[in-house]
């Protein structure tokens, strides 16, 4: 199973490290990362494998949103099923 994590906010040192460390804490494996800085705004999309996640995905998603607030970023974790469902409609 896979999920997409999006991160948006003011650019600063350590964003990728903070988010990837949090993923590792819950056994979420990063498959691919795309990031860019538009002027002073940092944007990142991560494709992650949640097959071996150590907590419920809903709890992980809520925790990542809270963690984003702590570090001054907007972080959203969305299950792959959301994207699959959108393409079936």
Protein backbone atom coordinates (compact mmCIF):
# COMPACT_ATOMS: atom_id res chain seq x y z
CA UNK A 1 0.00 0.00 0.00
CA UNK A 2 1.15 3.50 -0.75
CA UNK A 3 0.38 7.05 0.30
CA UNK A 4 1.27 10.58 -0.77
CA UNK A 5 2.64 13.13 1.68
CA UNK A 6 2.61 16.80 0.68
CA UNK A 7 4.60 19.48 2.49
CA UNK A 8 4.27 23.22 1.87
CA UNK A 9 5.62 26.24 3.74
CA UNK A 10 8.38 28.80 4.12
CA UNK A 11 11.75 27.37 3.13
CA UNK A 12 14.17 26.63 5.96
CA UNK A 13 16.92 24.18 6.81
CA UNK A 14 15.97 20.62 7.78
CA UNK A 15 12.48 20.16 6.32
CA UNK A 16 13.28 16.97 4.40
CA UNK A 17 15.22 15.58 7.38
CA UNK A 18 12.38 16.32 9.81
CA UNK A 19 9.69 14.73 7.64
CA UNK A 20 11.77 11.69 6.67
CA UNK A 21 12.77 11.10 10.31
CA UNK A 22 9.10 11.18 11.34
CA UNK A 23 8.27 8.67 8.58
CA UNK A 24 11.05 6.35 9.76
CA UNK A 25 9.71 6.45 13.33
CA UNK A 26 6.53 4.77 12.08
CA UNK A 27 8.19 2.41 9.60
CA UNK A 28 6.95 4.38 6.57
CA UNK A 29 9.35 3.87 3.66
CA UNK A 30 9.99 6.75 1.26
CA UNK A 31 9.83 5.54 -2.36
CA UNK A 32 10.19 8.82 -4.24
CA UNK A 33 10.55 12.53 -3.45
CA UNK A 34 10.02 15.63 -5.55
CA UNK A 35 10.79 18.99 -4.03
CA UNK A 36 11.33 22.54 -5.15
CA UNK A 37 11.65 26.01 -3.75
CA UNK A 38 9.56 28.71 -5.43
CA UNK A 39 11.12 31.96 -4.26
CA UNK A 40 10.93 31.40 -0.50
CA UNK A 41 8.21 28.72 -0.52
CA UNK A 42 9.20 25.08 -0.09
CA UNK A 43 7.05 22.40 -1.72
CA UNK A 44 7.55 18.65 -1.54
CA UNK A 45 5.61 15.57 -2.61
CA UNK A 46 6.64 12.17 -1.24
CA UNK A 47 5.39 8.79 -2.42
CA UNK A 48 5.67 6.41 0.53
CA UNK A 49 5.13 2.71 1.18
CA UNK A 50 2.85 2.14 4.18
CA UNK A 51 2.76 -1.67 3.97
CA UNK A 52 4.63 -2.00 7.27
CA UNK A 53 3.37 1.14 9.04
CA UNK A 54 3.41 0.67 12.83
CA UNK A 55 0.15 2.58 13.56
CA UNK A 56 -3.20 3.03 11.83
CA UNK A 57 -2.87 5.20 8.74
CA UNK A 58 -5.54 7.63 9.99
CA UNK A 59 -3.52 8.17 13.17
CA UNK A 60 -0.36 8.67 11.13
CA UNK A 61 -2.10 11.22 8.91
CA UNK A 62 -3.35 13.20 11.93
CA UNK A 63 0.08 13.04 13.57
CA UNK A 64 1.76 14.35 10.41
CA UNK A 65 -0.68 17.27 10.24
CA UNK A 66 0.07 18.10 13.90
CA UNK A 67 3.79 17.69 13.31
CA UNK A 68 3.55 20.08 10.38
CA UNK A 69 2.05 22.72 12.66
CA UNK A 70 4.90 22.20 15.13
CA UNK A 71 7.53 22.87 12.46
CA UNK A 72 5.58 25.63 10.70
CA UNK A 73 4.64 23.62 7.62
CA UNK A 74 1.41 22.36 6.06
CA UNK A 75 1.71 18.56 5.88
CA UNK A 76 -0.96 16.22 4.51
CA UNK A 77 -0.75 12.43 4.25
CA UNK A 78 -3.27 10.90 1.84
CA UNK A 79 -3.84 7.20 1.22
CA UNK A 80 -3.45 5.95 -2.34
CA UNK A 81 -7.10 4.82 -2.29
CA UNK A 82 -8.22 8.47 -2.42
CA UNK A 83 -6.50 8.92 -5.78
CA UNK A 84 -7.71 5.59 -7.12
CA UNK A 85 -11.31 6.48 -6.21
CA UNK A 86 -11.08 9.88 -7.88
CA UNK A 87 -10.19 8.25 -11.19
CA UNK A 88 -13.13 5.84 -11.03
CA UNK A 89 -15.78 8.56 -10.79
